[in-house]
C-alpha atoms as a PDB file:
ATOM      1  CA  UNK A   1      18.581 -12.320  -4.830  1.00  0.00           C
ATOM      2  CA  UNK A   2      19.797  -8.922  -3.606  1.00  0.00           C
ATOM      3  CA  UNK A   3      20.269  -6.440  -6.425  1.00  0.00           C
ATOM      4  CA  UNK A   4      23.786  -5.028  -6.788  1.00  0.00           C
ATOM      5  CA  UNK A   5      25.286  -2.320  -8.935  1.00  0.00           C
ATOM      6  CA  UNK A   6      25.478  -3.143 -12.631  1.00  0.00           C
ATOM      7  CA  UNK A   7      28.849  -3.613 -14.366  1.00  0.00           C
ATOM      8  CA  UNK A   8      30.275  -0.557 -16.110  1.00  0.00           C
ATOM      9  CA  UNK A   9      32.595  -0.156 -19.063  1.00  0.00           C
ATOM     10  CA  UNK A  10      35.898   1.667 -18.695  1.00  0.00           C
ATOM     11  CA  UNK A  11      34.453   4.565 -20.675  1.00  0.00           C
ATOM     12  CA  UNK A  12      31.549   4.731 -18.230  1.00  0.00           C
ATOM     13  CA  UNK A  13      33.942   4.607 -15.272  1.00  0.00           C
ATOM     14  CA  UNK A  14      35.856   7.581 -16.658  1.00  0.00           C
ATOM     15  CA  UNK A  15      32.593   9.440 -17.185  1.00  0.00           C
ATOM     16  CA  UNK A  16      31.571   8.749 -13.584  1.00  0.00           C
ATOM     17  CA  UNK A  17      34.874  10.102 -12.301  1.00  0.00           C
ATOM     18  CA  UNK A  18      34.514  13.252 -14.383  1.00  0.00           C
ATOM     19  CA  UNK A  19      30.900  13.724 -13.285  1.00  0.00           C
ATOM     20  CA  UNK A  20      32.059  13.558  -9.667  1.00  0.00           C
ATOM     21  CA  UNK A  21      34.668  16.241 -10.267  1.00  0.00           C
ATOM     22  CA  UNK A  22      37.855  14.227 -10.811  1.00  0.00           C
ATOM     23  CA  UNK A  23      40.095  15.984 -13.329  1.00  0.00           C
ATOM     24  CA  UNK A  24      41.208  13.645 -16.126  1.00  0.00           C
ATOM     25  CA  UNK A  25      43.444  15.462 -18.579  1.00  0.00           C
ATOM     26  CA  UNK A  26      44.474  12.331 -20.480  1.00  0.00           C
ATOM     27  CA  UNK A  27      41.615   9.901 -21.069  1.00  0.00           C
ATOM     28  CA  UNK A  28      43.888   7.449 -22.891  1.00  0.00           C
ATOM     29  CA  UNK A  29      46.128   7.221 -19.827  1.00  0.00           C
ATOM     30  CA  UNK A  30      43.093   6.712 -17.592  1.00  0.00           C
ATOM     31  CA  UNK A  31      41.834   3.944 -19.888  1.00  0.00           C
ATOM     32  CA  UNK A  32      45.204   2.180 -19.736  1.00  0.00           C
ATOM     33  CA  UNK A  33      45.251   2.315 -15.945  1.00  0.00           C
ATOM     34  CA  UNK A  34      41.646   1.180 -15.503  1.00  0.00           C
ATOM     35  CA  UNK A  35      42.215  -1.705 -17.917  1.00  0.00           C
ATOM     36  CA  UNK A  36      44.875  -3.147 -15.594  1.00  0.00           C
ATOM     37  CA  UNK A  37      43.712  -1.938 -12.171  1.00  0.00           C
ATOM     38  CA  UNK A  38      40.151  -2.718 -11.142  1.00  0.00           C
ATOM     39  CA  UNK A  39      38.084   0.453 -10.689  1.00  0.00           C
ATOM     40  CA  UNK A  40      36.852  -0.818  -7.330  1.00  0.00           C
ATOM     41  CA  UNK A  41      40.430  -1.421  -6.175  1.00  0.00           C
ATOM     42  CA  UNK A  42      41.531   2.039  -7.256  1.00  0.00           C
ATOM     43  CA  UNK A  43      38.468   3.633  -5.660  1.00  0.00           C
ATOM     44  CA  UNK A  44      39.918   2.923  -2.198  1.00  0.00           C
ATOM     45  CA  UNK A  45      42.475   5.623  -2.978  1.00  0.00           C
ATOM     46  CA  UNK A  46      39.686   8.115  -3.700  1.00  0.00           C
ATOM     47  CA  UNK A  47      38.691   8.220  -0.020  1.00  0.00           C
ATOM     48  CA  UNK A  48      40.830  11.150   1.197  1.00  0.00           C
ATOM     49  CA  UNK A  49      39.714  13.176  -1.825  1.00  0.00           C
ATOM     50  CA  UNK A  50      35.963  12.745  -1.345  1.00  0.00           C
ATOM     51  CA  UNK A  51      33.433  15.230  -0.019  1.00  0.00           C
ATOM     52  CA  UNK A  52      30.494  13.953   2.014  1.00  0.00           C
ATOM     53  CA  UNK A  53      28.355  13.855  -1.132  1.00  0.00           C
ATOM     54  CA  UNK A  54      31.044  11.664  -2.776  1.00  0.00           C
ATOM     55  CA  UNK A  55      32.123  14.418  -5.146  1.00  0.00           C
ATOM     56  CA  UNK A  56      35.857  15.001  -5.387  1.00  0.00           C
ATOM     57  CA  UNK A  57      37.664  17.845  -3.684  1.00  0.00           C
ATOM     58  CA  UNK A  58      38.594  20.640  -6.059  1.00  0.00           C
ATOM     59  CA  UNK A  59      41.786  20.157  -8.087  1.00  0.00           C
ATOM     60  CA  UNK A  60      41.793  16.373  -7.555  1.00  0.00           C
ATOM     61  CA  UNK A  61      43.410  14.747 -10.581  1.00  0.00           C
ATOM     62  CA  UNK A  62      43.337  11.146 -11.728  1.00  0.00           C
ATOM     63  CA  UNK A  63      47.100  11.302 -12.200  1.00  0.00           C
ATOM     64  CA  UNK A  64      47.658  12.276  -8.560  1.00  0.00           C
ATOM     65  CA  UNK A  65      45.477   9.422  -7.330  1.00  0.00           C
ATOM     66  CA  UNK A  66      47.409   7.009  -9.513  1.00  0.00           C
ATOM     67  CA  UNK A  67      50.739   8.286  -8.172  1.00  0.00           C
ATOM     68  CA  UNK A  68      49.514   7.670  -4.634  1.00  0.00           C
ATOM     69  CA  UNK A  69      48.539   4.166  -5.727  1.00  0.00           C
ATOM     70  CA  UNK A  70      52.082   3.661  -7.030  1.00  0.00           C
ATOM     71  CA  UNK A  71      53.559   5.037  -3.797  1.00  0.00           C
ATOM     72  CA  UNK A  72      51.452   2.558  -1.860  1.00  0.00           C
ATOM     73  CA  UNK A  73      52.620  -0.308  -4.061  1.00  0.00           C
ATOM     74  CA  UNK A  74      56.263   0.582  -3.495  1.00  0.00           C
ATOM     75  CA  UNK A  75      55.718   1.098   0.245  1.00  0.00           C
ATOM     76  CA  UNK A  76      54.089  -2.327   0.442  1.00  0.00           C
ATOM     77  CA  UNK A  77      57.101  -3.898  -1.260  1.00  0.00           C
ATOM     78  CA  UNK A  78      59.488  -2.124   1.114  1.00  0.00           C
ATOM     79  CA  UNK A  79      57.597  -3.251   4.201  1.00  0.00           C
ATOM     80  CA  UNK A  80      57.194  -6.809   2.977  1.00  0.00           C
ATOM     81  CA  UNK A  81      60.949  -7.179   2.532  1.00  0.00           C
ATOM     82  CA  UNK A  82      61.463  -5.981   6.117  1.00  0.00           C
ATOM     83  CA  UNK A  83      58.762  -8.279   7.467  1.00  0.00           C
ATOM     84  CA  UNK A  84      60.439 -11.198   5.692  1.00  0.00           C
ATOM     85  CA  UNK A  85      63.577 -10.621   7.783  1.00  0.00           C
ATOM     86  CA  UNK A  86      61.474 -10.294  10.932  1.00  0.00           C
ATOM     87  CA  UNK A  87      59.599 -13.526  10.222  1.00  0.00           C
ATOM     88  CA  UNK A  88      62.722 -15.560   9.492  1.00  0.00           C
ATOM     89  CA  UNK A  89      64.440 -14.302  12.659  1.00  0.00           C
ATOM     90  CA  UNK A  90      61.341 -15.019  14.750  1.00  0.00           C
ATOM     91  CA  UNK A  91      61.202 -18.591  13.454  1.00  0.00           C
ATOM     92  CA  UNK A  92      64.844 -19.080  14.374  1.00  0.00           C
ATOM     93  CA  UNK A  93      64.476 -17.649  17.878  1.00  0.00           C
ATOM     94  CA  UNK A  94      61.307 -19.555  18.725  1.00  0.00           C
ATOM     95  CA  UNK A  95      62.527 -22.898  17.425  1.00  0.00           C
ATOM     96  CA  UNK A  96      65.942 -22.496  19.066  1.00  0.00           C
ATOM     97  CA  UNK A  97      64.499 -21.756  22.492  1.00  0.00           C
ATOM     98  CA  UNK A  98      61.758 -24.378  22.356  1.00  0.00           C
ATOM     99  CA  UNK A  99      64.037 -27.045  20.940  1.00  0.00           C
ATOM    100  CA  UNK A 100      66.729 -26.578  23.586  1.00  0.00           C
ATOM    101  CA  UNK A 101      64.255 -26.416  26.470  1.00  0.00           C
ATOM    102  CA  UNK A 102      61.820 -29.153  25.466  1.00  0.00           C
ATOM    103  CA  UNK A 103      63.468 -31.220  22.750  1.00  0.00           C
ATOM    104  CA  UNK A 104      62.961 -31.590  19.030  1.00  0.00           C
ATOM    105  CA  UNK A 105      59.340 -32.728  19.374  1.00  0.00           C
ATOM    106  CA  UNK A 106      58.441 -30.803  22.524  1.00  0.00           C
ATOM    107  CA  UNK A 107      55.992 -28.676  20.561  1.00  0.00           C
ATOM    108  CA  UNK A 108      53.714 -31.742  20.354  1.00  0.00           C
ATOM    109  CA  UNK A 109      53.313 -31.814  24.159  1.00  0.00           C
ATOM    110  CA  UNK A 110      50.686 -29.441  25.551  1.00  0.00           C
ATOM    111  CA  UNK A 111      52.550 -29.381  28.882  1.00  0.00           C
ATOM    112  CA  UNK A 112      55.123 -27.148  27.208  1.00  0.00           C
ATOM    113  CA  UNK A 113      52.556 -24.421  26.584  1.00  0.00           C
ATOM    114  CA  UNK A 114      50.232 -22.327  28.706  1.00  0.00           C
ATOM    115  CA  UNK A 115      46.620 -23.145  29.557  1.00  0.00           C
ATOM    116  CA  UNK A 116      45.277 -21.196  26.568  1.00  0.00           C
ATOM    117  CA  UNK A 117      46.985 -23.525  24.118  1.00  0.00           C
ATOM    118  CA  UNK A 118      44.483 -25.395  21.966  1.00  0.00           C
ATOM    119  CA  UNK A 119      46.421 -28.535  21.086  1.00  0.00           C
ATOM    120  CA  UNK A 120      43.870 -29.933  18.650  1.00  0.00           C
ATOM    121  CA  UNK A 121      43.636 -26.732  16.639  1.00  0.00           C
ATOM    122  CA  UNK A 122      47.411 -26.284  16.737  1.00  0.00           C
ATOM    123  CA  UNK A 123      48.027 -29.776  15.357  1.00  0.00           C
ATOM    124  CA  UNK A 124      45.301 -29.334  12.748  1.00  0.00           C
ATOM    125  CA  UNK A 125      46.988 -26.158  11.529  1.00  0.00           C
ATOM    126  CA  UNK A 126      50.327 -27.930  11.354  1.00  0.00           C
ATOM    127  CA  UNK A 127      48.840 -30.820   9.407  1.00  0.00           C
ATOM    128  CA  UNK A 128      47.212 -28.393   7.006  1.00  0.00           C
ATOM    129  CA  UNK A 129      50.579 -26.776   6.285  1.00  0.00           C
ATOM    130  CA  UNK A 130      52.244 -30.173   5.849  1.00  0.00           C
ATOM    131  CA  UNK A 131      49.562 -31.183   3.376  1.00  0.00           C
ATOM    132  CA  UNK A 132      49.790 -27.885   1.491  1.00  0.00           C
ATOM    133  CA  UNK A 133      53.560 -28.293   1.210  1.00  0.00           C
ATOM    134  CA  UNK A 134      53.603 -32.051   0.567  1.00  0.00           C
ATOM    135  CA  UNK A 135      55.691 -31.640  -2.596  1.00  0.00           C
ATOM    136  CA  UNK A 136      58.401 -29.588  -0.887  1.00  0.00           C
ATOM    137  CA  UNK A 137      61.599 -31.700  -0.685  1.00  0.00           C
ATOM    138  CA  UNK A 138      62.230 -31.316   3.051  1.00  0.00           C
ATOM    139  CA  UNK A 139      58.607 -32.216   3.800  1.00  0.00           C
ATOM    140  CA  UNK A 140      58.843 -35.356   1.668  1.00  0.00           C
ATOM    141  CA  UNK A 141      62.164 -36.214   3.328  1.00  0.00           C
ATOM    142  CA  UNK A 142      60.707 -36.097   6.837  1.00  0.00           C
ATOM    143  CA  UNK A 143      57.565 -37.933   5.776  1.00  0.00           C
ATOM    144  CA  UNK A 144      59.556 -40.769   4.268  1.00  0.00           C
ATOM    145  CA  UNK A 145      62.560 -41.039   6.587  1.00  0.00           C
ATOM    146  CA  UNK A 146      61.077 -39.932   9.921  1.00  0.00           C
ATOM    147  CA  UNK A 147      57.479 -41.163   9.542  1.00  0.00           C
ATOM    148  CA  UNK A 148      56.086 -37.640   9.439  1.00  0.00           C
ATOM    149  CA  UNK A 149      57.792 -36.348  12.579  1.00  0.00           C
ATOM    150  CA  UNK A 150      59.293 -32.899  12.162  1.00  0.00           C
ATOM    151  CA  UNK A 151      61.724 -31.312  14.657  1.00  0.00           C
ATOM    152  CA  UNK A 152      60.592 -27.898  15.856  1.00  0.00           C
ATOM    153  CA  UNK A 153      63.307 -26.150  13.811  1.00  0.00           C
ATOM    154  CA  UNK A 154      61.927 -27.824  10.689  1.00  0.00           C
ATOM    155  CA  UNK A 155      58.189 -27.530  11.287  1.00  0.00           C
ATOM    156  CA  UNK A 156      58.402 -23.806  12.021  1.00  0.00           C
ATOM    157  CA  UNK A 157      59.631 -23.311   8.456  1.00  0.00           C
ATOM    158  CA  UNK A 158      56.047 -24.116   7.454  1.00  0.00           C
ATOM    159  CA  UNK A 159      54.460 -21.725   9.950  1.00  0.00           C
ATOM    160  CA  UNK A 160      52.739 -18.603   8.697  1.00  0.00           C
ATOM    161  CA  UNK A 161      53.431 -15.370  10.546  1.00  0.00           C
ATOM    162  CA  UNK A 162      50.069 -15.774  12.228  1.00  0.00           C
ATOM    163  CA  UNK A 163      51.017 -19.254  13.432  1.00  0.00           C
ATOM    164  CA  UNK A 164      54.302 -17.922  14.792  1.00  0.00           C
ATOM    165  CA  UNK A 165      52.419 -15.199  16.642  1.00  0.00           C
ATOM    166  CA  UNK A 166      50.033 -17.722  18.203  1.00  0.00           C
ATOM    167  CA  UNK A 167      52.916 -20.044  18.996  1.00  0.00           C
ATOM    168  CA  UNK A 168      54.585 -17.240  20.930  1.00  0.00           C
ATOM    169  CA  UNK A 169      51.367 -16.262  22.722  1.00  0.00           C
ATOM    170  CA  UNK A 170      50.853 -19.879  23.816  1.00  0.00           C
ATOM    171  CA  UNK A 171      54.340 -20.306  25.270  1.00  0.00           C
ATOM    172  CA  UNK A 172      54.806 -20.601  29.005  1.00  0.00           C
ATOM    173  CA  UNK A 173      55.320 -17.178  30.553  1.00  0.00           C
ATOM    174  CA  UNK A 174      59.004 -17.739  31.291  1.00  0.00           C
ATOM    175  CA  UNK A 175      59.566 -18.677  27.652  1.00  0.00           C
ATOM    176  CA  UNK A 176      57.686 -15.615  26.415  1.00  0.00           C
ATOM    177  CA  UNK A 177      59.858 -13.429  28.623  1.00  0.00           C
ATOM    178  CA  UNK A 178      63.028 -15.072  27.333  1.00  0.00           C
ATOM    179  CA  UNK A 179      62.058 -14.301  23.744  1.00  0.00           C
ATOM    180  CA  UNK A 180      60.893 -10.779  24.616  1.00  0.00           C
ATOM    181  CA  UNK A 181      64.276  -9.970  26.136  1.00  0.00           C
ATOM    182  CA  UNK A 182      65.794 -10.493  22.706  1.00  0.00           C
ATOM    183  CA  UNK A 183      63.570  -7.654  21.496  1.00  0.00           C
ATOM    184  CA  UNK A 184      64.252  -5.455  24.540  1.00  0.00           C
ATOM    185  CA  UNK A 185      60.630  -5.355  25.581  1.00  0.00           C
ATOM    186  CA  UNK A 186      58.103  -7.116  27.816  1.00  0.00           C
ATOM    187  CA  UNK A 187      56.292 -10.282  26.837  1.00  0.00           C
ATOM    188  CA  UNK A 188      52.902  -8.545  26.841  1.00  0.00           C
ATOM    189  CA  UNK A 189      54.124  -5.779  24.546  1.00  0.00           C
ATOM    190  CA  UNK A 190      55.775  -8.268  22.205  1.00  0.00           C
ATOM    191  CA  UNK A 191      52.481 -10.121  21.822  1.00  0.00           C
ATOM    192  CA  UNK A 192      50.809  -6.930  20.622  1.00  0.00           C
ATOM    193  CA  UNK A 193      53.699  -6.196  18.258  1.00  0.00           C
ATOM    194  CA  UNK A 194      53.411  -9.621  16.678  1.00  0.00           C
ATOM    195  CA  UNK A 195      49.664  -9.223  16.201  1.00  0.00           C
ATOM    196  CA  UNK A 196      50.273  -5.843  14.582  1.00  0.00           C
ATOM    197  CA  UNK A 197      52.991  -7.232  12.326  1.00  0.00           C
ATOM    198  CA  UNK A 198      50.810 -10.196  11.352  1.00  0.00           C
ATOM    199  CA  UNK A 199      48.090  -7.787  10.276  1.00  0.00           C
ATOM    200  CA  UNK A 200      50.532  -5.706   8.222  1.00  0.00           C
ATOM    201  CA  UNK A 201      52.133  -8.781   6.693  1.00  0.00           C
ATOM    202  CA  UNK A 202      48.788 -10.157   5.530  1.00  0.00           C
ATOM    203  CA  UNK A 203      47.780  -6.815   4.043  1.00  0.00           C
ATOM    204  CA  UNK A 204      51.058  -6.650   2.113  1.00  0.00           C
ATOM    205  CA  UNK A 205      50.804 -10.275   0.984  1.00  0.00           C
ATOM    206  CA  UNK A 206      47.345  -9.643  -0.464  1.00  0.00           C
ATOM    207  CA  UNK A 207      48.360  -6.306  -2.021  1.00  0.00           C
ATOM    208  CA  UNK A 208      46.067  -4.363   0.280  1.00  0.00           C
ATOM    209  CA  UNK A 209      46.070  -0.616   0.759  1.00  0.00           C
ATOM    210  CA  UNK A 210      48.364   0.947   3.380  1.00  0.00           C
ATOM    211  CA  UNK A 211      47.768   4.613   2.594  1.00  0.00           C
ATOM    212  CA  UNK A 212      44.896   6.181   4.556  1.00  0.00           C
ATOM    213  CA  UNK A 213      44.335   2.855   6.313  1.00  0.00           C
ATOM    214  CA  UNK A 214      43.087   2.285   9.838  1.00  0.00           C
ATOM    215  CA  UNK A 215      44.676  -0.969  11.001  1.00  0.00           C
ATOM    216  CA  UNK A 216      42.789  -3.526  13.065  1.00  0.00           C
ATOM    217  CA  UNK A 217      45.643  -4.086  15.541  1.00  0.00           C
ATOM    218  CA  UNK A 218      47.290  -1.263  17.489  1.00  0.00           C
ATOM    219  CA  UNK A 219      50.660  -1.863  19.166  1.00  0.00           C
ATOM    220  CA  UNK A 220      51.334  -1.420  22.868  1.00  0.00           C
ATOM    221  CA  UNK A 221      54.496   0.133  24.245  1.00  0.00           C
ATOM    222  CA  UNK A 222      54.392   3.442  22.367  1.00  0.00           C
ATOM    223  CA  UNK A 223      53.070   6.842  23.382  1.00  0.00           C
ATOM    224  CA  UNK A 224      50.841   7.536  20.395  1.00  0.00           C
ATOM    225  CA  UNK A 225      47.891   9.873  20.115  1.00  0.00           C
ATOM    226  CA  UNK A 226      44.564   8.091  19.713  1.00  0.00           C
ATOM    227  CA  UNK A 227      44.464   8.396  15.929  1.00  0.00           C
ATOM    228  CA  UNK A 228      48.083   7.616  15.156  1.00  0.00           C
ATOM    229  CA  UNK A 229      48.210   4.286  16.986  1.00  0.00           C
ATOM    230  CA  UNK A 230      45.964   2.746  14.309  1.00  0.00           C
ATOM    231  CA  UNK A 231      47.883   4.217  11.363  1.00  0.00           C
ATOM    232  CA  UNK A 232      50.905   3.280   9.265  1.00  0.00           C
ATOM    233  CA  UNK A 233      53.364   5.137  11.500  1.00  0.00           C
ATOM    234  CA  UNK A 234      52.595   2.800  14.394  1.00  0.00           C
ATOM    235  CA  UNK A 235      53.235  -0.196  12.148  1.00  0.00           C
ATOM    236  CA  UNK A 236      56.505   1.321  10.955  1.00  0.00           C
ATOM    237  CA  UNK A 237      57.811   1.678  14.516  1.00  0.00           C
ATOM    238  CA  UNK A 238      56.810  -1.909  15.301  1.00  0.00           C
ATOM    239  CA  UNK A 239      58.720  -3.124  12.255  1.00  0.00           C
ATOM    240  CA  UNK A 240      61.733  -1.123  13.393  1.00  0.00           C
ATOM    241  CA  UNK A 241      61.512  -2.645  16.889  1.00  0.00           C
ATOM    242  CA  UNK A 242      61.242  -6.197  15.531  1.00  0.00           C
ATOM    243  CA  UNK A 243      63.825  -5.860  12.769  1.00  0.00           C
ATOM    244  CA  UNK A 244      66.715  -8.233  13.573  1.00  0.00           C
ATOM    245  CA  UNK A 245      69.616  -6.076  12.376  1.00  0.00           C
ATOM    246  CA  UNK A 246      69.869  -2.427  13.530  1.00  0.00           C
ATOM    247  CA  UNK A 247      72.775  -1.912  11.146  1.00  0.00           C
ATOM    248  CA  UNK A 248      70.857  -3.096   8.076  1.00  0.00           C
ATOM    249  CA  UNK A 249      67.879  -1.058   9.216  1.00  0.00           C
ATOM    250  CA  UNK A 250      69.866   2.178   9.311  1.00  0.00           C
ATOM    251  CA  UNK A 251      72.040   1.448   6.273  1.00  0.00           C
ATOM    252  CA  UNK A 252      69.495  -0.206   3.971  1.00  0.00           C
ATOM    253  CA  UNK A 253      65.872   0.198   5.046  1.00  0.00           C
ATOM    254  CA  UNK A 254      65.912   3.836   6.143  1.00  0.00           C
ATOM    255  CA  UNK A 255      67.652   5.134   2.972  1.00  0.00           C
ATOM    256  CA  UNK A 256      65.153   3.214   0.830  1.00  0.00           C
ATOM    257  CA  UNK A 257      62.268   4.691   2.814  1.00  0.00           C
ATOM    258  CA  UNK A 258      63.677   8.211   2.515  1.00  0.00           C
ATOM    259  CA  UNK A 259      64.113   7.797  -1.237  1.00  0.00           C
ATOM    260  CA  UNK A 260      60.551   6.515  -1.622  1.00  0.00           C
ATOM    261  CA  UNK A 261      58.974   9.328   0.368  1.00  0.00           C
ATOM    262  CA  UNK A 262      61.041  11.914  -1.476  1.00  0.00           C
ATOM    263  CA  UNK A 263      59.969  10.477  -4.834  1.00  0.00           C
ATOM    264  CA  UNK A 264      56.296  11.013  -4.003  1.00  0.00           C
ATOM    265  CA  UNK A 265      56.653  14.058  -1.730  1.00  0.00           C
ATOM    266  CA  UNK A 266      54.394  16.190  -3.929  1.00  0.00           C
ATOM    267  CA  UNK A 267      51.614  13.596  -3.948  1.00  0.00           C
ATOM    268  CA  UNK A 268      51.292  12.030  -0.510  1.00  0.00           C
ATOM    269  CA  UNK A 269      50.070  13.555   2.740  1.00  0.00           C
ATOM    270  CA  UNK A 270      51.990  12.308   5.790  1.00  0.00           C
ATOM    271  CA  UNK A 271      48.874  12.897   7.883  1.00  0.00           C
ATOM    272  CA  UNK A 272      47.100  10.041   6.115  1.00  0.00           C
ATOM    273  CA  UNK A 273      49.897   7.710   7.221  1.00  0.00           C
ATOM    274  CA  UNK A 274      50.097   9.053  10.763  1.00  0.00           C
ATOM    275  CA  UNK A 275      53.696  10.113  10.121  1.00  0.00           C
ATOM    276  CA  UNK A 276      55.112  13.110  12.002  1.00  0.00           C
ATOM    277  CA  UNK A 277      56.888  15.790   9.985  1.00  0.00           C
ATOM    278  CA  UNK A 278      60.217  14.775  11.529  1.00  0.00           C
ATOM    279  CA  UNK A 279      59.659  11.065  10.910  1.00  0.00           C
ATOM    280  CA  UNK A 280      63.214  10.511   9.649  1.00  0.00           C
ATOM    281  CA  UNK A 281      64.603  11.417  13.073  1.00  0.00           C
ATOM    282  CA  UNK A 282      62.583   8.594  14.660  1.00  0.00           C
ATOM    283  CA  UNK A 283      63.746   5.832  12.321  1.00  0.00           C
END
C-alpha cells in the first residue's frame, strides 16, 4: 500500500502554519475554524499566498485567509441562486420547443436528435433519474397512471444541468438555433456557455472553491485575454448572458454582488478572479 501523510491534530496543524510563516494572532479562533473546516479544504485558499518553497508570503494572516474563504462561500451562494433561475428557464425553453415540434414523447425518438445522440445512454440517464426520484409525487403519478411515460415537460424536471446541456447539444441544428436566438447568440456559442455553466453549477453544488480557480470549461463568444477566459470573470459574464430576466439581474443580482465585493474589498484580489477594475460597468 502506498504510504500517505499521517493524520495531524489541530494543534499540529496550527504549528505547521506558523512554521511556514502564517501569522496566527488568535490560536483559539484558529482552533475553532479548523475544528469545523477541514485543514485540507482550507489549504486550497493558501495557494495565492505561497512561495515556491511553500512558505507563506510575508504578512499573510490566518484571519485574512479565513475571510477569503467566507467571501468564496457567499459568492458561491450568490452564483448558485442565479444558476437556479438559468436552469429552470432552460428546462422550460427546451421542453416547450421540443414538445410543440415533436410531441409529448418525441424525446424518445432518436430521429428528433442529431447523429451524435446516444439514445441508449440518454434513456439510461433518464431511467436513473426516475429511479432516484421514485418517491417524488409527480414521478409516482406518472408511473401509476401513465405506465411510466413522462411528457417532455415533465421529464425535464428531473434533468440535471448537465443533462440539459447534453440535450441541447444533441438537438437538430435548426432546434439549437431556435433556442440560441432566445439568448441572442449562435448555437455553437450557446453550447460552450452551457458547458461552462454546468461546470460552475457543479462546483457550487459541491461547495468547491471559486476564488483563484482555473475552470475546466472556457466560454466562446467573448474577447478575453488568455488567462481571464478560464477564470471567474468569464463565468460571471456567461451567467449574465444566460440569466432569464435582465431586470432582476440589474435590480437584484448586481446590487448583491456589489455589496459582497465591497464587504470583502480589503481581503480579496480581483486579479485572482479575473475581474477587471471596472467590473461593475460590465454587469
